[in-house]
Each structure stands twice: as structure tokens, then as C-alpha cells.
């Protein structure tokens, strides 16, 4: 696998019947390529959400 700095964005589908192995794969992938914190910087968010909820 490439290092996290060279990982390109994309879409990956993983399919299998063994849930324990799928879970292991997802956990190891997330440890190797952790997600960055999500930031609320969406330009449409303020226009669609009223101040009262």
C-alpha cells in the first residue's frame, strides 16, 4: 500500500461474507489512513439551515 501522503481520493467497494475479516480490514485501513477532522465549512450550510434549527 502507498503511504498516506500519496493516497488519492476515490471510491472503493469491499465485499465479503466473513464479517470478522471485513471488520479487520476496515480497522487496519483506518489505522493506516486515519481520517482528518471534519470541519463545517460548507457554503450552502448557512443558507439552508435556519437559526432556529
PDB file of N, CA and C in Angstrom:
ATOM      1  N   UNK A   1       0.831  -1.186   0.000  1.00  0.00           N
ATOM      2  CA  UNK A   1       0.000   0.000   0.000  1.00  0.00           C
ATOM      3  C   UNK A   1       0.872   1.244   0.000  1.00  0.00           C
ATOM      4  N   UNK A   2       0.435   2.293  -0.680  1.00  0.00           N
ATOM      5  CA  UNK A   2       1.197   3.544  -0.661  1.00  0.00           C
ATOM      6  C   UNK A   2       1.051   4.239   0.685  1.00  0.00           C
ATOM      7  N   UNK A   3       1.979   5.144   0.968  1.00  0.00           N
ATOM      8  CA  UNK A   3       1.854   5.887   2.215  1.00  0.00           C
ATOM      9  C   UNK A   3       0.703   6.876   2.113  1.00  0.00           C
ATOM     10  N   UNK A   4       0.284   7.416   3.272  1.00  0.00           N
ATOM     11  CA  UNK A   4      -0.908   8.264   3.323  1.00  0.00           C
ATOM     12  C   UNK A   4      -0.760   9.524   2.492  1.00  0.00           C
ATOM     13  N   UNK A   5       0.454  10.021   2.318  1.00  0.00           N
ATOM     14  CA  UNK A   5       0.622  11.252   1.559  1.00  0.00           C
ATOM     15  C   UNK A   5       0.377  11.045   0.065  1.00  0.00           C
ATOM     16  N   UNK A   6       0.529   9.829  -0.434  1.00  0.00           N
ATOM     17  CA  UNK A   6       0.321   9.579  -1.862  1.00  0.00           C
ATOM     18  C   UNK A   6      -1.012   8.896  -2.149  1.00  0.00           C
ATOM     19  N   UNK A   7      -1.870   8.789  -1.162  1.00  0.00           N
ATOM     20  CA  UNK A   7      -3.170   8.152  -1.338  1.00  0.00           C
ATOM     21  C   UNK A   7      -4.113   9.110  -2.060  1.00  0.00           C
ATOM     22  N   UNK A   8      -4.618   8.696  -3.201  1.00  0.00           N
ATOM     23  CA  UNK A   8      -5.525   9.524  -3.990  1.00  0.00           C
ATOM     24  C   UNK A   8      -6.962   9.304  -3.548  1.00  0.00           C
ATOM     25  N   UNK A   9      -7.792  10.355  -3.565  1.00  0.00           N
ATOM     26  CA  UNK A   9      -9.199  10.180  -3.235  1.00  0.00           C
ATOM     27  C   UNK A   9      -9.876   9.297  -4.273  1.00  0.00           C
ATOM     28  N   UNK A  10     -10.876   8.565  -3.838  1.00  0.00           N
ATOM     29  CA  UNK A  10     -11.592   7.705  -4.764  1.00  0.00           C
ATOM     30  C   UNK A  10     -12.678   6.921  -4.061  1.00  0.00           C
ATOM     31  N   UNK A  11     -13.161   5.910  -4.722  1.00  0.00           N
ATOM     32  CA  UNK A  11     -14.242   5.074  -4.215  1.00  0.00           C
ATOM     33  C   UNK A  11     -13.784   3.626  -4.257  1.00  0.00           C
ATOM     34  N   UNK A  12     -13.982   2.911  -3.150  1.00  0.00           N
ATOM     35  CA  UNK A  12     -13.568   1.518  -3.082  1.00  0.00           C
ATOM     36  C   UNK A  12     -14.732   0.696  -2.537  1.00  0.00           C
ATOM     37  N   UNK A  13     -14.995  -0.422  -3.162  1.00  0.00           N
ATOM     38  CA  UNK A  13     -16.033  -1.332  -2.703  1.00  0.00           C
ATOM     39  C   UNK A  13     -15.352  -2.606  -2.238  1.00  0.00           C
ATOM     40  N   UNK A  14     -15.665  -3.012  -1.008  1.00  0.00           N
ATOM     41  CA  UNK A  14     -15.132  -4.256  -0.457  1.00  0.00           C
ATOM     42  C   UNK A  14     -16.330  -5.129  -0.118  1.00  0.00           C
ATOM     43  N   UNK A  15     -16.338  -6.342  -0.635  1.00  0.00           N
ATOM     44  CA  UNK A  15     -17.465  -7.248  -0.434  1.00  0.00           C
ATOM     45  C   UNK A  15     -16.948  -8.569   0.108  1.00  0.00           C
ATOM     46  N   UNK A  16     -17.702  -9.148   1.009  1.00  0.00           N
ATOM     47  CA  UNK A  16     -17.328 -10.452   1.526  1.00  0.00           C
ATOM     48  C   UNK A  16     -18.404 -10.993   2.444  1.00  0.00           C
ATOM     49  N   UNK A  17     -18.328 -12.275   2.721  1.00  0.00           N
ATOM     50  CA  UNK A  17     -19.295 -12.930   3.596  1.00  0.00           C
ATOM     51  C   UNK A  17     -18.762 -13.139   5.005  1.00  0.00           C
ATOM     52  N   UNK A  18     -17.509 -12.837   5.235  1.00  0.00           N
ATOM     53  CA  UNK A  18     -16.905 -13.042   6.551  1.00  0.00           C
ATOM     54  C   UNK A  18     -16.767 -11.684   7.231  1.00  0.00           C
ATOM     55  N   UNK A  19     -17.747 -11.358   8.072  1.00  0.00           N
ATOM     56  CA  UNK A  19     -17.787 -10.040   8.688  1.00  0.00           C
ATOM     57  C   UNK A  19     -16.585  -9.764   9.576  1.00  0.00           C
ATOM     58  N   UNK A  20     -16.052 -10.789  10.233  1.00  0.00           N
ATOM     59  CA  UNK A  20     -14.887 -10.571  11.096  1.00  0.00           C
ATOM     60  C   UNK A  20     -13.673 -10.131  10.278  1.00  0.00           C
ATOM     61  N   UNK A  21     -13.504 -10.682   9.089  1.00  0.00           N
ATOM     62  CA  UNK A  21     -12.380 -10.270   8.244  1.00  0.00           C
ATOM     63  C   UNK A  21     -12.619  -8.899   7.617  1.00  0.00           C
ATOM     64  N   UNK A  22     -13.872  -8.587   7.274  1.00  0.00           N
ATOM     65  CA  UNK A  22     -14.180  -7.254   6.760  1.00  0.00           C
ATOM     66  C   UNK A  22     -13.923  -6.196   7.827  1.00  0.00           C
ATOM     67  N   UNK A  23     -14.323  -6.499   9.058  1.00  0.00           N
ATOM     68  CA  UNK A  23     -14.073  -5.569  10.159  1.00  0.00           C
ATOM     69  C   UNK A  23     -12.584  -5.372  10.359  1.00  0.00           C
ATOM     70  N   UNK A  24     -11.828  -6.438  10.332  1.00  0.00           N
ATOM     71  CA  UNK A  24     -10.377  -6.351  10.486  1.00  0.00           C
ATOM     72  C   UNK A  24      -9.755  -5.497   9.389  1.00  0.00           C
ATOM     73  N   UNK A  25     -10.230  -5.658   8.166  1.00  0.00           N
ATOM     74  CA  UNK A  25      -9.728  -4.858   7.051  1.00  0.00           C
ATOM     75  C   UNK A  25     -10.018  -3.375   7.259  1.00  0.00           C
ATOM     76  N   UNK A  26     -11.248  -3.052   7.652  1.00  0.00           N
ATOM     77  CA  UNK A  26     -11.622  -1.649   7.857  1.00  0.00           C
ATOM     78  C   UNK A  26     -10.822  -1.036   8.997  1.00  0.00           C
ATOM     79  N   UNK A  27     -10.659  -1.759  10.087  1.00  0.00           N
ATOM     80  CA  UNK A  27      -9.896  -1.241  11.229  1.00  0.00           C
ATOM     81  C   UNK A  27      -8.444  -1.015  10.842  1.00  0.00           C
ATOM     82  N   UNK A  28      -7.835  -1.952  10.144  1.00  0.00           N
ATOM     83  CA  UNK A  28      -6.434  -1.777   9.752  1.00  0.00           C
ATOM     84  C   UNK A  28      -6.284  -0.640   8.740  1.00  0.00           C
ATOM     85  N   UNK A  29      -7.260  -0.482   7.839  1.00  0.00           N
ATOM     86  CA  UNK A  29      -7.211   0.621   6.868  1.00  0.00           C
ATOM     87  C   UNK A  29      -7.318   1.965   7.584  1.00  0.00           C
ATOM     88  N   UNK A  30      -8.239   2.059   8.558  1.00  0.00           N
ATOM     89  CA  UNK A  30      -8.417   3.321   9.276  1.00  0.00           C
ATOM     90  C   UNK A  30      -7.210   3.647  10.154  1.00  0.00           C
ATOM     91  N   UNK A  31      -6.532   2.641  10.651  1.00  0.00           N
ATOM     92  CA  UNK A  31      -5.303   2.896  11.416  1.00  0.00           C
ATOM     93  C   UNK A  31      -4.185   3.383  10.504  1.00  0.00           C
ATOM     94  N   UNK A  32      -4.134   2.836   9.312  1.00  0.00           N
ATOM     95  CA  UNK A  32      -3.074   3.231   8.381  1.00  0.00           C
ATOM     96  C   UNK A  32      -3.356   4.577   7.723  1.00  0.00           C
ATOM     97  N   UNK A  33      -4.618   4.838   7.412  1.00  0.00           N
ATOM     98  CA  UNK A  33      -5.027   6.086   6.758  1.00  0.00           C
ATOM     99  C   UNK A  33      -6.132   6.750   7.582  1.00  0.00           C
ATOM    100  N   UNK A  34      -5.800   7.350   8.718  1.00  0.00           N
ATOM    101  CA  UNK A  34      -6.849   7.964   9.551  1.00  0.00           C
ATOM    102  C   UNK A  34      -7.503   9.152   8.844  1.00  0.00           C
ATOM    103  N   UNK A  35      -8.761   9.357   9.159  1.00  0.00           N
ATOM    104  CA  UNK A  35      -9.498  10.472   8.579  1.00  0.00           C
ATOM    105  C   UNK A  35      -9.115  11.769   9.275  1.00  0.00           C
ATOM    106  N   UNK A  36      -9.061  12.823   8.516  1.00  0.00           N
ATOM    107  CA  UNK A  36      -8.810  14.143   9.095  1.00  0.00           C
ATOM    108  C   UNK A  36     -10.081  14.617   9.797  1.00  0.00           C
ATOM    109  N   UNK A  37      -9.958  15.489  10.785  1.00  0.00           N
ATOM    110  CA  UNK A  37     -11.163  16.010  11.449  1.00  0.00           C
ATOM    111  C   UNK A  37     -12.060  16.735  10.452  1.00  0.00           C
ATOM    112  N   UNK A  38     -13.360  16.570  10.618  1.00  0.00           N
ATOM    113  CA  UNK A  38     -14.321  17.204   9.725  1.00  0.00           C
ATOM    114  C   UNK A  38     -14.546  18.635  10.168  1.00  0.00           C
ATOM    115  N   UNK A  39     -14.533  19.556   9.223  1.00  0.00           N
ATOM    116  CA  UNK A  39     -14.734  20.968   9.527  1.00  0.00           C
ATOM    117  C   UNK A  39     -15.991  21.452   8.819  1.00  0.00           C
ATOM    118  N   UNK A  40     -16.811  22.191   9.541  1.00  0.00           N
ATOM    119  CA  UNK A  40     -18.049  22.716   8.976  1.00  0.00           C
ATOM    120  C   UNK A  40     -17.740  23.985   8.194  1.00  0.00           C
ATOM    121  N   UNK A  41     -17.325  23.828   6.959  1.00  0.00           N
ATOM    122  CA  UNK A  41     -17.038  24.960   6.090  1.00  0.00           C
ATOM    123  C   UNK A  41     -17.767  24.771   4.770  1.00  0.00           C
ATOM    124  N   UNK A  42     -19.048  24.555   4.856  1.00  0.00           N
ATOM    125  CA  UNK A  42     -19.847  24.351   3.660  1.00  0.00           C
ATOM    126  C   UNK A  42     -20.593  25.639   3.343  1.00  0.00           C
ATOM    127  N   UNK A  43     -20.412  26.205   2.159  1.00  0.00           N
ATOM    128  CA  UNK A  43     -21.042  27.492   1.845  1.00  0.00           C
ATOM    129  C   UNK A  43     -22.563  27.432   1.818  1.00  0.00           C
ATOM    130  N   UNK A  44     -23.143  26.291   1.496  1.00  0.00           N
ATOM    131  CA  UNK A  44     -24.595  26.188   1.415  1.00  0.00           C
ATOM    132  C   UNK A  44     -25.230  25.943   2.770  1.00  0.00           C
ATOM    133  N   UNK A  45     -24.444  25.598   3.790  1.00  0.00           N
ATOM    134  CA  UNK A  45     -24.999  25.217   5.094  1.00  0.00           C
ATOM    135  C   UNK A  45     -25.780  26.361   5.726  1.00  0.00           C
ATOM    136  N   UNK A  46     -25.216  27.561   5.725  1.00  0.00           N
ATOM    137  CA  UNK A  46     -25.889  28.697   6.356  1.00  0.00           C
ATOM    138  C   UNK A  46     -27.160  29.085   5.609  1.00  0.00           C
ATOM    139  N   UNK A  47     -27.178  28.876   4.319  1.00  0.00           N
ATOM    140  CA  UNK A  47     -28.348  29.254   3.525  1.00  0.00           C
ATOM    141  C   UNK A  47     -29.505  28.283   3.721  1.00  0.00           C
ATOM    142  N   UNK A  48     -29.217  27.030   4.071  1.00  0.00           N
ATOM    143  CA  UNK A  48     -30.278  26.026   4.157  1.00  0.00           C
ATOM    144  C   UNK A  48     -30.748  25.759   5.575  1.00  0.00           C
ATOM    145  N   UNK A  49     -29.978  26.127   6.584  1.00  0.00           N
ATOM    146  CA  UNK A  49     -30.342  25.844   7.971  1.00  0.00           C
ATOM    147  C   UNK A  49     -30.716  27.153   8.651  1.00  0.00           C
ATOM    148  N   UNK A  50     -31.931  27.212   9.166  1.00  0.00           N
ATOM    149  CA  UNK A  50     -32.372  28.433   9.838  1.00  0.00           C
ATOM    150  C   UNK A  50     -31.748  28.523  11.229  1.00  0.00           C
ATOM    151  N   UNK A  51     -31.664  29.715  11.816  1.00  0.00           N
ATOM    152  CA  UNK A  51     -31.081  29.859  13.155  1.00  0.00           C
ATOM    153  C   UNK A  51     -31.850  29.099  14.227  1.00  0.00           C
ATOM    154  N   UNK A  52     -33.115  28.816  14.006  1.00  0.00           N
ATOM    155  CA  UNK A  52     -33.924  28.110  14.999  1.00  0.00           C
ATOM    156  C   UNK A  52     -33.870  26.598  14.832  1.00  0.00           C
ATOM    157  N   UNK A  53     -33.046  26.103  13.954  1.00  0.00           N
ATOM    158  CA  UNK A  53     -32.912  24.664  13.797  1.00  0.00           C
ATOM    159  C   UNK A  53     -33.435  24.205  12.507  1.00  0.00           C
TER     160      UNK A  53
END
